[in-house]
Amino acid sequence: MEINVKRIAKNNYTYGVLTVGNFKCFTLEDKERIGDIFKVKVPGETAIPKGRYEVVLSMSNRFKKYMPLLLNVPNFEGIRIHNGNTIAHTEGCILVGYESGEDGFLGNSKVAFNDLMKLLKTVEKKEKIFITIQ
């Protein structure tokens, strides 16, 4: 399964559109910093580098629930896709919601996250899941 995120950067946050087949929602992430990620990363305030990453569903110790985890993200650990409304909720993770993050706020986030999880759970044991962030 392929998840695609097309980013649209803003000043202090990055919003985008996530698609998986017919499923579509909006995303909200920290600021995208261009350049050598080791030089420009600000812990808890930087979006992960663009690229393609494998995704597994696993239990989050922090959130105490089953969630998507991105593997082998350079210079980042524990990057998840989850619900939340502002960049204060991201710490580098990808937030999802049904109401656009163009103003720095993402709405209907829990519903979008639950719908995405249902979709991912249908394939997790049958095929690998990848996310491409552009």
Protein backbone atom coordinates (compact mmCIF):
# COMPACT_ATOMS: atom_id res chain seq x y z
CA MET A 1 0.00 0.00 0.00
CA GLU A 2 1.24 3.46 -0.87
CA ILE A 3 0.42 6.58 1.14
CA ASN A 4 1.25 9.87 -0.55
CA VAL A 5 1.67 13.28 1.08
CA LYS A 6 2.00 16.39 -1.08
CA ARG A 7 3.33 19.18 1.11
CA ILE A 8 2.48 22.85 0.78
CA ALA A 9 4.81 24.83 3.04
CA LYS A 10 3.86 27.96 4.96
CA ASN A 11 5.93 30.20 7.25
CA ASN A 12 6.02 28.35 10.57
CA TYR A 13 4.15 25.16 9.62
CA THR A 14 3.64 22.80 6.69
CA TYR A 15 0.26 21.59 5.55
CA GLY A 16 -0.48 19.14 2.79
CA VAL A 17 -2.78 16.52 1.34
CA LEU A 18 -2.55 12.80 2.15
CA THR A 19 -4.00 10.26 -0.26
CA VAL A 20 -4.30 6.47 -0.18
CA GLY A 21 -6.34 5.16 -3.08
CA ASN A 22 -9.72 6.91 -2.77
CA PHE A 23 -9.03 8.12 0.79
CA LYS A 24 -8.03 11.78 1.12
CA CYS A 25 -7.39 14.08 4.07
CA PHE A 26 -5.21 17.03 5.03
CA THR A 27 -1.93 16.97 6.94
CA LEU A 28 -0.18 19.36 9.28
CA GLU A 29 3.50 19.20 10.18
CA ASP A 30 6.20 21.35 11.67
CA LYS A 31 8.14 23.77 9.50
CA GLU A 32 9.95 22.20 6.56
CA ARG A 33 13.60 23.24 6.72
CA ILE A 34 15.53 22.92 3.47
CA GLY A 35 19.18 21.89 3.49
CA ASP A 36 21.36 19.48 5.44
CA ILE A 37 18.90 18.08 8.00
CA PHE A 38 21.72 17.63 10.52
CA LYS A 39 22.42 21.39 10.38
CA VAL A 40 18.87 22.74 10.11
CA LYS A 41 16.90 20.41 12.43
CA VAL A 42 15.37 22.06 15.46
CA PRO A 43 14.21 19.29 17.82
CA GLY A 44 10.41 19.19 18.05
CA GLU A 45 10.06 21.97 15.47
CA THR A 46 11.17 20.46 12.15
CA ALA A 47 9.26 18.36 9.61
CA ILE A 48 10.92 15.12 8.55
CA PRO A 49 12.86 15.07 5.25
CA LYS A 50 10.97 14.40 2.04
CA GLY A 51 11.32 10.81 0.89
CA ARG A 52 9.81 7.35 0.98
CA TYR A 53 9.56 5.46 4.27
CA GLU A 54 8.17 2.12 5.34
CA VAL A 55 5.26 2.34 7.78
CA VAL A 56 4.32 -0.25 10.40
CA LEU A 57 1.40 -0.27 12.79
CA SER A 58 2.56 -0.61 16.38
CA MET A 59 1.66 0.28 19.94
CA SER A 60 2.74 3.78 20.92
CA ASN A 61 4.07 3.99 24.48
CA ARG A 62 3.33 7.72 24.50
CA PHE A 63 -0.24 7.58 23.15
CA LYS A 64 -1.09 4.11 24.53
CA LYS A 65 -2.72 3.02 21.28
CA TYR A 66 -1.98 1.29 17.99
CA MET A 67 -0.66 3.82 15.44
CA PRO A 68 1.37 4.13 12.20
CA LEU A 69 5.13 4.47 12.78
CA LEU A 70 7.54 5.63 10.04
CA LEU A 71 10.76 3.60 9.92
CA ASN A 72 14.32 4.77 9.24
CA VAL A 73 13.65 8.52 9.06
CA PRO A 74 17.10 10.17 8.96
CA ASN A 75 17.94 12.00 12.21
CA PHE A 76 14.43 11.39 13.67
CA GLU A 77 12.94 8.74 15.96
CA GLY A 78 9.38 7.84 16.86
CA ILE A 79 7.72 9.59 13.92
CA ARG A 80 4.05 8.69 13.83
CA ILE A 81 0.91 9.62 11.94
CA HIS A 82 -1.69 10.72 14.49
CA ASN A 83 -4.48 13.13 15.30
CA GLY A 84 -3.94 16.69 16.55
CA ASN A 85 -4.95 20.21 15.68
CA THR A 86 -1.86 22.48 15.65
CA ILE A 87 1.90 22.22 15.21
CA ALA A 88 2.15 22.21 19.00
CA HIS A 89 0.84 18.62 18.73
CA THR A 90 3.35 17.38 16.12
CA GLU A 91 6.92 17.25 17.49
CA GLY A 92 7.94 16.15 13.98
CA CYS A 93 5.00 13.80 13.42
CA ILE A 94 2.35 14.00 10.70
CA LEU A 95 -1.11 15.08 11.86
CA VAL A 96 -4.19 14.21 9.79
CA GLY A 97 -7.61 15.85 9.59
CA TYR A 98 -10.57 16.44 7.32
CA GLU A 99 -10.55 20.23 7.64
CA SER A 100 -7.65 22.03 5.95
CA GLY A 101 -4.53 23.07 7.81
CA GLU A 102 -4.05 26.18 5.64
CA ASP A 103 -4.50 28.46 8.64
CA GLY A 104 -2.28 26.36 10.90
CA PHE A 105 -5.27 24.50 12.39
CA LEU A 106 -6.44 21.02 11.41
CA GLY A 107 -10.06 20.02 12.11
CA ASN A 108 -11.90 16.70 12.40
CA SER A 109 -8.58 15.11 13.20
CA LYS A 110 -9.77 12.16 15.30
CA VAL A 111 -12.27 11.11 12.63
CA ALA A 112 -9.64 11.30 9.86
CA PHE A 113 -7.13 9.35 11.96
CA ASN A 114 -9.66 6.61 12.77
CA ASP A 115 -10.67 6.33 9.10
CA LEU A 116 -7.02 6.09 8.02
CA MET A 117 -6.31 3.44 10.66
CA LYS A 118 -9.24 1.31 9.46
CA LEU A 119 -7.82 1.44 5.95
CA LEU A 120 -4.27 0.58 7.04
CA LYS A 121 -5.43 -2.29 9.26
CA THR A 122 -7.08 -3.96 6.26
CA VAL A 123 -3.69 -4.46 4.58
CA GLU A 124 -1.09 -4.51 7.36
CA LYS A 125 -0.76 -8.30 7.46
CA LYS A 126 -1.07 -8.75 3.68
CA GLU A 127 1.38 -6.20 2.29
CA LYS A 128 3.95 -3.61 3.26
CA ILE A 129 2.88 -0.02 3.75
CA PHE A 130 4.98 2.90 2.49
CA ILE A 131 4.60 6.66 2.67
CA THR A 132 6.08 9.05 0.13
CA ILE A 133 6.40 12.66 1.22
CA GLN A 134 6.87 15.20 -1.58
